[in-house]
């Protein structure tokens, strides 16, 4: 629809004369001077804008692109002025250019979104080049923000490019925004441990690590009763870069292990109680296997006969025995 509207606009403008009157040499010279002066002014303004933005937001994509856009805008203004001095009707041309730009923006929607997201990131500066950032699932050092992606150098040396639109829309964690950052380490001790002694050992162990910052002071706090241990959580501060974080954790674990070993404190681990069976009666039935009566079957009971029926049954048994021994009766 937009393309058809642009074609209709150009068709309507073709019925009118593009030039109001015949042009002379002086008109062309005047237009040329205007264009040349516009180019010179646009270049100077672009350099000035880039220099100012470099001091304000820092060197990078935002300063370069903003300076170029300012230069292009001045050039278009000067070009339209030169065309107007020649008597050219620029109204239909401006409409056609606007519609064409709209069509191009719709076709390149994702690229345009990344482009303006890059400008927003450079203007708001949630992180700078050289900062260690966590962008979604990607952790690395920011090396560049171009017109489409934010470039990270992973901790393993890999290069990661994250689209600017995803960076601007998602959470941004700047790990090196401050000089210090706090880490945590959980340590569990056995239930029969003297907790006051353990807390003192942990505090001394943290003080022995040079990479742990003295201010703010490190802390060793009881946090929970675990399934096999009583757990402490160590809170300590260190330089904010990731290599220092890993090295500090290594030093803290080593220092805690040495301190507990010197104090005779056991670091708890998952425990399983194994029963050897000792003390059990080896012959619970005293070496006999008795017959199991039917009446002892759970849930099964023989029907109980009435008293008269039982008496008749006994009399019939006795009568049968007498007949067996007296067959002639």
Protein backbone atom coordinates (compact mmCIF):
# COMPACT_ATOMS: atom_id res chain seq x y z
CA UNK A 1 0.00 0.00 0.00
CA UNK A 2 2.79 2.42 0.82
CA UNK A 3 4.58 1.69 -2.45
CA UNK A 4 1.37 2.28 -4.43
CA UNK A 5 0.82 5.58 -2.63
CA UNK A 6 4.35 6.67 -3.53
CA UNK A 7 3.79 5.75 -7.19
CA UNK A 8 0.51 7.70 -7.26
CA UNK A 9 2.23 10.71 -5.74
CA UNK A 10 5.00 10.62 -8.33
CA UNK A 11 2.44 10.17 -11.13
CA UNK A 12 0.49 13.19 -9.96
CA UNK A 13 3.65 15.28 -9.79
CA UNK A 14 4.65 14.30 -13.31
CA UNK A 15 1.70 16.22 -14.73
CA UNK A 16 3.14 19.48 -13.42
CA UNK A 17 6.26 21.13 -14.72
CA UNK A 18 9.32 20.21 -12.66
CA UNK A 19 10.99 23.52 -13.40
CA UNK A 20 9.12 26.80 -13.18
CA UNK A 21 11.16 28.46 -15.91
CA UNK A 22 14.24 27.99 -18.07
CA UNK A 23 17.54 27.98 -16.18
CA UNK A 24 20.51 30.18 -16.93
CA UNK A 25 24.18 29.64 -16.32
CA UNK A 26 24.12 31.95 -13.33
CA UNK A 27 21.39 29.81 -11.77
CA UNK A 28 23.52 26.69 -12.11
CA UNK A 29 26.54 28.50 -10.70
CA UNK A 30 24.52 29.72 -7.73
CA UNK A 31 23.18 26.23 -7.04
CA UNK A 32 26.69 24.77 -7.29
CA UNK A 33 28.03 27.30 -4.80
CA UNK A 34 25.20 26.45 -2.39
CA UNK A 35 25.92 22.71 -2.65
CA UNK A 36 29.66 23.19 -2.17
CA UNK A 37 29.14 25.46 0.84
CA UNK A 38 26.66 22.95 2.28
CA UNK A 39 29.17 20.10 1.99
CA UNK A 40 31.85 22.17 3.72
CA UNK A 41 29.53 23.19 6.55
CA UNK A 42 28.24 19.61 6.95
CA UNK A 43 31.78 18.22 7.29
CA UNK A 44 32.75 20.86 9.84
CA UNK A 45 29.58 20.35 11.88
CA UNK A 46 30.03 16.54 11.81
CA UNK A 47 33.57 16.85 13.15
CA UNK A 48 32.47 19.30 15.83
CA UNK A 49 29.58 17.07 16.95
CA UNK A 50 31.83 14.02 17.08
CA UNK A 51 34.44 15.84 19.15
CA UNK A 52 31.84 17.12 21.62
CA UNK A 53 30.14 13.72 21.98
CA UNK A 54 33.49 12.01 22.45
CA UNK A 55 34.10 14.18 25.51
CA UNK A 56 30.53 13.70 26.78
CA UNK A 57 29.71 10.01 26.14
CA UNK A 58 33.14 8.69 25.22
CA UNK A 59 34.61 7.39 22.03
CA UNK A 60 32.48 4.87 20.22
CA UNK A 61 29.60 4.12 17.94
CA UNK A 62 27.21 6.79 19.27
CA UNK A 63 29.56 9.71 18.65
CA UNK A 64 30.40 8.53 15.12
CA UNK A 65 26.82 7.85 14.05
CA UNK A 66 25.38 11.03 15.59
CA UNK A 67 28.04 13.13 13.86
CA UNK A 68 27.32 11.48 10.53
CA UNK A 69 23.57 11.96 10.90
CA UNK A 70 24.09 15.66 11.67
CA UNK A 71 26.26 16.01 8.57
CA UNK A 72 23.76 14.18 6.34
CA UNK A 73 20.90 16.31 7.64
CA UNK A 74 22.73 19.54 6.87
CA UNK A 75 23.63 18.25 3.42
CA UNK A 76 19.99 17.41 2.62
CA UNK A 77 18.85 20.85 3.80
CA UNK A 78 21.45 22.53 1.59
CA UNK A 79 20.58 20.29 -1.37
CA UNK A 80 16.87 21.11 -1.12
CA UNK A 81 17.72 24.81 -0.87
CA UNK A 82 19.86 24.57 -3.99
CA UNK A 83 17.06 22.81 -5.87
CA UNK A 84 14.61 25.47 -4.73
CA UNK A 85 16.94 28.18 -6.05
CA UNK A 86 16.78 26.44 -9.42
CA UNK A 87 13.01 26.54 -9.35
CA UNK A 88 12.59 22.79 -8.84
CA UNK A 89 9.41 21.72 -7.03
CA UNK A 90 10.82 19.79 -4.10
CA UNK A 91 7.48 19.09 -2.43
CA UNK A 92 6.71 15.93 -4.44
CA UNK A 93 10.33 14.82 -4.13
CA UNK A 94 10.23 15.18 -0.34
CA UNK A 95 7.03 13.14 -0.19
CA UNK A 96 8.46 10.42 -2.39
CA UNK A 97 11.66 10.28 -0.34
CA UNK A 98 9.66 10.08 2.89
CA UNK A 99 7.51 7.24 1.59
CA UNK A 100 10.55 5.45 0.23
CA UNK A 101 12.27 5.78 3.59
CA UNK A 102 9.21 4.32 5.30
CA UNK A 103 9.19 1.34 2.96
CA UNK A 104 12.90 0.81 3.55
CA UNK A 105 12.45 1.04 7.32
CA UNK A 106 9.70 -1.60 7.25
CA UNK A 107 11.85 -3.90 5.14
CA UNK A 108 14.84 -3.48 7.44
CA UNK A 109 12.89 -3.36 10.70
CA UNK A 110 15.24 -5.61 12.67
CA UNK A 111 18.34 -3.76 11.49
CA UNK A 112 16.76 -0.41 12.33
CA UNK A 113 15.80 -1.72 15.78
CA UNK A 114 19.36 -2.84 16.45
CA UNK A 115 20.68 0.47 15.13
CA UNK A 116 18.62 2.64 17.46
CA UNK A 117 19.18 0.23 20.35
CA UNK A 118 22.90 0.76 19.84
CA UNK A 119 22.36 4.52 20.01
CA UNK A 120 20.39 4.13 23.25
CA UNK A 121 23.09 1.95 24.79
CA UNK A 122 25.75 4.49 23.91
CA UNK A 123 23.66 7.36 25.25
CA UNK A 124 22.58 5.69 28.51
CA UNK A 125 25.93 3.90 29.04
CA UNK A 126 24.93 0.98 31.30
CA UNK A 127 28.45 -0.27 30.59
CA UNK A 128 31.56 0.91 28.80
CA UNK A 129 34.15 -0.72 26.63
CA UNK A 130 36.37 -2.76 28.94
CA UNK A 131 33.68 -3.53 31.53
CA UNK A 132 32.90 -7.14 32.42
CA UNK A 133 29.17 -7.61 31.86
CA UNK A 134 26.59 -10.38 32.03
CA UNK A 135 24.09 -10.04 29.16
CA UNK A 136 21.52 -12.76 29.59
CA UNK A 137 23.52 -15.99 29.46
CA UNK A 138 26.63 -14.33 28.01
CA UNK A 139 29.49 -13.26 30.29
CA UNK A 140 32.49 -11.38 28.95
CA UNK A 141 34.35 -8.11 28.53
CA UNK A 142 32.65 -5.53 26.31
CA UNK A 143 34.94 -4.64 23.43
CA UNK A 144 32.68 -2.73 21.03
CA UNK A 145 29.13 -1.60 20.24
CA UNK A 146 28.57 -1.32 16.50
CA UNK A 147 25.45 -0.56 14.49
CA UNK A 148 24.02 -4.07 14.95
CA UNK A 149 25.63 -5.97 17.84
CA UNK A 150 27.40 -5.63 21.15
CA UNK A 151 30.71 -7.49 21.00
CA UNK A 152 31.97 -9.39 24.06
CA UNK A 153 35.24 -11.21 24.62
CA UNK A 154 34.39 -14.28 26.65
CA UNK A 155 36.46 -15.40 29.61
CA UNK A 156 37.66 -18.30 27.47
CA UNK A 157 38.83 -15.91 24.73
CA UNK A 158 35.85 -16.45 22.41
CA UNK A 159 34.14 -13.55 20.63
CA UNK A 160 30.41 -13.21 21.30
CA UNK A 161 28.09 -10.88 19.37
CA UNK A 162 24.76 -10.08 21.02
CA UNK A 163 22.13 -8.11 19.03
CA UNK A 164 21.71 -4.61 20.42
CA UNK A 165 17.92 -5.01 20.63
CA UNK A 166 18.32 -8.02 22.96
CA UNK A 167 20.87 -6.16 25.08
CA UNK A 168 18.64 -3.10 25.45
CA UNK A 169 15.53 -5.19 26.23
CA UNK A 170 17.15 -7.69 28.62
CA UNK A 171 18.86 -7.46 32.00
CA UNK A 172 22.38 -5.99 32.05
CA UNK A 173 24.68 -6.91 34.96
CA UNK A 174 27.83 -4.80 35.08
CA UNK A 175 30.27 -6.70 37.28
CA UNK A 176 33.01 -4.06 37.15
CA UNK A 177 30.89 -0.94 37.55
CA UNK A 178 32.40 -0.53 41.04
CA UNK A 179 35.95 -1.22 42.15
CA UNK A 180 34.90 -3.82 44.76
CA UNK A 181 32.39 -6.65 44.63
CA UNK A 182 31.16 -9.10 47.28
CA UNK A 183 31.26 -12.90 46.99
CA UNK A 184 29.88 -15.67 49.16
CA UNK A 185 31.19 -19.09 50.20
CA UNK A 186 29.27 -21.72 52.16
CA UNK A 187 31.11 -23.91 54.69
CA UNK A 188 29.51 -26.69 56.75
CA UNK A 189 30.81 -28.08 60.06
CA UNK A 190 29.79 -31.19 61.97
CA UNK A 191 26.94 -30.94 64.48
CA UNK A 192 29.19 -31.62 67.47
CA UNK A 193 31.47 -28.67 66.59
CA UNK A 194 31.93 -25.72 68.93
CA UNK A 195 30.32 -23.05 66.75
CA UNK A 196 31.99 -20.12 68.49
CA UNK A 197 35.41 -21.63 67.87
CA UNK A 198 34.50 -22.37 64.26
CA UNK A 199 33.31 -18.79 63.69
CA UNK A 200 36.55 -17.43 65.13
CA UNK A 201 38.61 -19.74 62.89
CA UNK A 202 36.67 -18.62 59.81
CA UNK A 203 37.15 -14.95 60.63
CA UNK A 204 40.88 -15.45 61.11
CA UNK A 205 41.08 -17.43 57.88
CA UNK A 206 39.49 -14.55 55.95
CA UNK A 207 41.93 -12.10 57.51
CA UNK A 208 44.86 -14.20 56.28
CA UNK A 209 43.88 -13.77 52.60
CA UNK A 210 45.53 -10.70 51.08
CA UNK A 211 43.05 -10.46 48.19
CA UNK A 212 40.13 -10.05 50.62
CA UNK A 213 39.47 -6.36 51.19
CA UNK A 214 39.69 -5.07 54.74
CA UNK A 215 36.89 -2.57 54.12
CA UNK A 216 34.07 -3.49 54.16
CA UNK A 217 35.05 -6.18 56.69
CA UNK A 218 34.48 -9.84 55.88
CA UNK A 219 31.89 -11.78 57.88
CA UNK A 220 31.27 -15.42 58.80
CA UNK A 221 27.61 -15.93 59.73
CA UNK A 222 25.60 -19.00 60.65
CA UNK A 223 22.87 -19.51 58.08
CA UNK A 224 21.09 -22.87 58.50
CA UNK A 225 20.93 -26.38 59.89
CA UNK A 226 21.80 -28.66 56.97
CA UNK A 227 21.06 -32.35 56.55
CA UNK A 228 24.59 -33.32 57.61
CA UNK A 229 26.09 -30.08 58.90
CA UNK A 230 25.57 -26.67 60.43
CA UNK A 231 26.34 -24.18 57.68
CA UNK A 232 28.27 -20.91 57.77
CA UNK A 233 28.21 -18.40 54.90
CA UNK A 234 31.34 -16.30 54.36
CA UNK A 235 30.81 -12.81 52.95
CA UNK A 236 33.94 -11.09 51.69
CA UNK A 237 34.84 -8.24 49.31
CA UNK A 238 37.45 -8.25 46.56
CA UNK A 239 38.38 -6.45 43.33
CA UNK A 240 35.46 -6.62 40.91
CA UNK A 241 37.14 -8.30 37.91
CA UNK A 242 36.39 -11.98 37.36
CA UNK A 243 40.02 -13.29 37.46
CA UNK A 244 40.46 -11.72 40.90
CA UNK A 245 37.14 -13.21 42.02
CA UNK A 246 38.28 -16.73 41.07
CA UNK A 247 41.71 -16.30 42.64
CA UNK A 248 40.21 -14.92 45.86
CA UNK A 249 37.82 -17.87 46.16
CA UNK A 250 40.77 -20.24 45.75
CA UNK A 251 42.72 -18.46 48.50
CA UNK A 252 39.73 -18.39 50.88
CA UNK A 253 39.05 -22.13 50.50
CA UNK A 254 42.72 -22.92 51.11
CA UNK A 255 42.90 -20.65 54.16
CA UNK A 256 39.69 -22.08 55.68
CA UNK A 257 40.91 -25.66 55.24
CA UNK A 258 44.24 -24.86 56.90
CA UNK A 259 42.59 -23.02 59.79
CA UNK A 260 40.12 -25.85 60.48
CA UNK A 261 42.88 -28.45 60.28
CA UNK A 262 44.93 -26.55 62.85
CA UNK A 263 41.92 -26.27 65.19
CA UNK A 264 40.85 -29.89 64.74
CA UNK A 265 37.49 -28.91 63.23
CA UNK A 266 35.98 -31.27 60.69
CA UNK A 267 34.36 -29.89 57.55
CA UNK A 268 31.13 -31.85 57.36
CA UNK A 269 30.26 -34.04 54.43
CA UNK A 270 27.16 -36.14 53.63
CA UNK A 271 27.03 -39.02 56.16
CA UNK A 272 25.39 -42.46 55.95
CA UNK A 273 24.95 -44.72 59.02
CA UNK A 274 25.85 -48.35 58.23
CA UNK A 275 24.28 -51.00 60.58
CA UNK A 276 26.38 -54.12 60.93
CA UNK A 277 23.56 -56.16 62.49
CA UNK A 278 25.46 -56.91 65.73
CA UNK A 279 23.29 -57.50 68.79
CA UNK A 280 20.52 -59.15 66.78
CA UNK A 281 19.01 -62.45 68.08
CA UNK A 282 20.45 -65.11 65.78
CA UNK A 283 17.61 -67.57 66.63
CA UNK A 284 14.45 -65.57 67.10
CA UNK A 285 12.31 -68.74 67.03
CA UNK A 286 14.68 -70.74 69.29
CA UNK A 287 15.66 -73.13 66.49
CA UNK A 288 12.10 -74.54 65.94
CA UNK A 289 9.73 -74.30 63.05
CA UNK A 290 6.22 -74.83 64.42
CA UNK A 291 3.13 -75.54 62.35
CA UNK A 292 1.02 -72.54 61.55
CA UNK A 293 -2.63 -73.14 62.57
CA UNK A 294 -5.36 -72.09 60.18
CA UNK A 295 -6.97 -69.88 62.78
CA UNK A 296 -3.88 -67.74 62.85
CA UNK A 297 -4.34 -66.66 59.25
CA UNK A 298 -4.95 -62.90 59.39
CA UNK A 299 -8.47 -62.00 58.38
CA UNK A 300 -9.68 -65.62 57.95
CA UNK A 301 -12.01 -67.03 60.62
CA UNK A 302 -13.84 -70.39 60.54
CA UNK A 303 -17.60 -70.04 60.94
CA UNK A 304 -18.73 -70.81 64.47
CA UNK A 305 -21.50 -73.38 64.75
CA UNK A 306 -24.34 -73.05 67.22
CA UNK A 307 -24.21 -75.16 70.43
CA UNK A 308 -27.07 -77.52 69.38
CA UNK A 309 -25.44 -78.24 66.02
CA UNK A 310 -22.15 -79.07 67.71
CA UNK A 311 -23.89 -81.51 70.11
CA UNK A 312 -25.66 -83.30 67.24
CA UNK A 313 -22.38 -83.53 65.32
CA UNK A 314 -20.67 -85.26 68.28
CA UNK A 315 -23.62 -87.65 68.73
CA UNK A 316 -23.44 -88.64 65.02
CA UNK A 317 -19.74 -89.38 65.31
CA UNK A 318 -20.32 -91.60 68.36
CA UNK A 319 -23.21 -93.44 66.66
CA UNK A 320 -21.06 -94.19 63.64
CA UNK A 321 -18.32 -95.63 65.83
CA UNK A 322 -20.80 -97.93 67.64
CA UNK A 323 -22.17 -99.23 64.36
CA UNK A 324 -18.67 -100.01 63.17
CA UNK A 325 -18.02 -102.21 66.16
CA UNK A 326 -21.58 -103.74 66.14
CA UNK A 327 -22.33 -104.41 62.50
CA UNK A 328 -25.14 -106.85 63.32
CA UNK A 329 -27.25 -104.26 65.18
